[in-house]
C-alpha atoms as a PDB file:
ATOM      1  CA  MET A   1       9.986  -0.830  -6.615  1.00  0.00           C
ATOM      2  CA  GLU A   2       9.274  -2.324  -3.133  1.00  0.00           C
ATOM      3  CA  LYS A   3       7.425  -0.354  -0.220  1.00  0.00           C
ATOM      4  CA  GLU A   4       6.640  -2.080   3.202  1.00  0.00           C
ATOM      5  CA  PHE A   5       3.869   0.282   5.727  1.00  0.00           C
ATOM      6  CA  PHE A   6       3.200  -0.244   9.306  1.00  0.00           C
ATOM      7  CA  PRO A   7       0.197   0.876  10.546  1.00  0.00           C
ATOM      8  CA  THR A   8       0.046   2.164  13.600  1.00  0.00           C
ATOM      9  CA  LYS A   9      -3.880   2.044  14.876  1.00  0.00           C
ATOM     10  CA  TYR A  10      -5.207  -0.416  11.958  1.00  0.00           C
ATOM     11  CA  GLY A  11      -4.924  -2.971   9.123  1.00  0.00           C
ATOM     12  CA  LEU A  12      -1.582  -5.230   9.280  1.00  0.00           C
ATOM     13  CA  GLN A  13       1.796  -4.510   8.191  1.00  0.00           C
ATOM     14  CA  SER A  14       1.625  -4.791   4.554  1.00  0.00           C
ATOM     15  CA  ARG A  15       4.386  -5.005   1.781  1.00  0.00           C
ATOM     16  CA  PHE A  16       3.717  -4.681  -1.749  1.00  0.00           C
ATOM     17  CA  LYS A  17       5.278  -3.696  -5.266  1.00  0.00           C
ATOM     18  CA  LEU A  18       4.451  -1.657  -7.905  1.00  0.00           C
ATOM     19  CA  VAL A  19       4.255  -2.848 -11.736  1.00  0.00           C
ATOM     20  CA  GLU A  20       6.905  -1.208 -13.937  1.00  0.00           C
ATOM     21  CA  ASN A  21       4.104   0.592 -16.003  1.00  0.00           C
ATOM     22  CA  THR A  22       3.326   2.517 -12.792  1.00  0.00           C
ATOM     23  CA  PRO A  23       1.800   6.269 -13.695  1.00  0.00           C
ATOM     24  CA  ALA A  24       4.347   8.253 -12.078  1.00  0.00           C
ATOM     25  CA  PRO A  25       2.067  10.526  -9.460  1.00  0.00           C
ATOM     26  CA  ILE A  26       1.319   6.725  -7.436  1.00  0.00           C
ATOM     27  CA  VAL A  27       5.293   5.820  -7.609  1.00  0.00           C
ATOM     28  CA  ASN A  28       6.581   9.839  -6.151  1.00  0.00           C
ATOM     29  CA  TRP A  29       3.278   9.517  -3.620  1.00  0.00           C
ATOM     30  CA  VAL A  30       3.844   6.545  -2.605  1.00  0.00           C
ATOM     31  CA  LYS A  31       8.135   6.303  -1.799  1.00  0.00           C
ATOM     32  CA  ALA A  32       7.032  10.222  -0.642  1.00  0.00           C
ATOM     33  CA  GLN A  33       5.664   8.706   2.521  1.00  0.00           C
ATOM     34  CA  PRO A  34       7.249   6.868   6.001  1.00  0.00           C
ATOM     35  CA  ARG A  35       6.916   3.651   6.730  1.00  0.00           C
ATOM     36  CA  ALA A  36       4.848   3.973   9.610  1.00  0.00           C
ATOM     37  CA  VAL A  37       1.368   4.720   9.028  1.00  0.00           C
ATOM     38  CA  TYR A  38      -2.190   5.968  10.371  1.00  0.00           C
ATOM     39  CA  GLY A  39      -4.341   2.401   8.515  1.00  0.00           C
ATOM     40  CA  ILE A  40      -4.183   0.123   5.615  1.00  0.00           C
ATOM     41  CA  GLU A  41      -7.234  -1.651   4.783  1.00  0.00           C
ATOM     42  CA  ARG A  42      -8.116  -3.221   1.428  1.00  0.00           C
ATOM     43  CA  LYS A  43     -11.020  -2.474  -1.072  1.00  0.00           C
ATOM     44  CA  VAL A  44     -12.506  -3.919  -3.809  1.00  0.00           C
ATOM     45  CA  ASP A  45     -10.959  -1.379  -5.914  1.00  0.00           C
ATOM     46  CA  GLY A  46      -7.931  -1.018  -4.385  1.00  0.00           C
ATOM     47  CA  LEU A  47      -5.164  -0.764  -1.378  1.00  0.00           C
ATOM     48  CA  GLU A  48      -6.309   2.339   0.961  1.00  0.00           C
ATOM     49  CA  ILE A  49      -3.647   3.537   2.691  1.00  0.00           C
ATOM     50  CA  VAL A  50      -4.836   6.242   5.085  1.00  0.00           C
ATOM     51  CA  VAL A  51      -1.579   8.790   6.298  1.00  0.00           C
ATOM     52  CA  SER A  52      -2.671  10.674   8.972  1.00  0.00           C
ATOM     53  CA  LYS A  53      -5.597  10.984  11.747  1.00  0.00           C
ATOM     54  CA  GLN A  54      -6.993  14.049   9.202  1.00  0.00           C
ATOM     55  CA  GLY A  55      -7.984  11.291   6.714  1.00  0.00           C
ATOM     56  CA  ARG A  56      -5.370  11.931   3.986  1.00  0.00           C
ATOM     57  CA  ARG A  57      -5.595   8.818   2.050  1.00  0.00           C
ATOM     58  CA  LYS A  58      -5.434   7.062  -1.550  1.00  0.00           C
ATOM     59  CA  LEU A  59      -6.205   4.742  -2.894  1.00  0.00           C
ATOM     60  CA  ILE A  60      -3.948   2.342  -4.918  1.00  0.00           C
ATOM     61  CA  PRO A  61      -5.844   0.103  -7.712  1.00  0.00           C
ATOM     62  CA  TRP A  62      -5.369  -3.805  -7.947  1.00  0.00           C
ATOM     63  CA  CYS A  63      -3.826  -3.184 -11.355  1.00  0.00           C
ATOM     64  CA  TRP A  64      -0.492  -0.786 -10.170  1.00  0.00           C
ATOM     65  CA  ILE A  65       0.111  -3.855  -7.630  1.00  0.00           C
ATOM     66  CA  LYS A  66       2.307  -6.622  -7.896  1.00  0.00           C
ATOM     67  CA  GLY A  67       2.380  -8.502  -5.082  1.00  0.00           C
ATOM     68  CA  LEU A  68       0.737  -8.435  -1.545  1.00  0.00           C
ATOM     69  CA  ARG A  69       1.539  -9.906   1.743  1.00  0.00           C
ATOM     70  CA  GLN A  70      -0.061  -8.881   4.803  1.00  0.00           C
ATOM     71  CA  ALA A  71       1.808  -9.195   8.458  1.00  0.00           C
ATOM     72  CA  GLY A  72       2.698 -13.136   7.217  1.00  0.00           C
ATOM     73  CA  TYR A  73      -0.100 -13.952   4.144  1.00  0.00           C
ATOM     74  CA  ASN A  74       0.239 -14.051   0.947  1.00  0.00           C
ATOM     75  CA  TYR A  75      -2.485 -13.490  -2.059  1.00  0.00           C
ATOM     76  CA  GLY A  76      -1.436 -15.525  -4.455  1.00  0.00           C
ATOM     77  CA  ASN A  77       1.381 -12.613  -5.928  1.00  0.00           C
ATOM     78  CA  PRO A  78       4.797 -13.786  -5.278  1.00  0.00           C
ATOM     79  CA  LEU A  79       6.800 -10.814  -4.333  1.00  0.00           C
END
């Protein structure tokens, strides 16, 4: 599954794919989110997506992310 997010406050436009055996709760959460989010951060243990100003956030571990592109940067993991 591929998803693209456009942050409104901070972070870079991000597009990534989830691996095929990603747990259903993570896949369902990503599918349910709008494309415009509050912010995106690359953390040591995953990609953190902040959905609202109140701080609703989710950390998606790197082991479930197959490819990542952020605002023109390709991190060696092709989509």
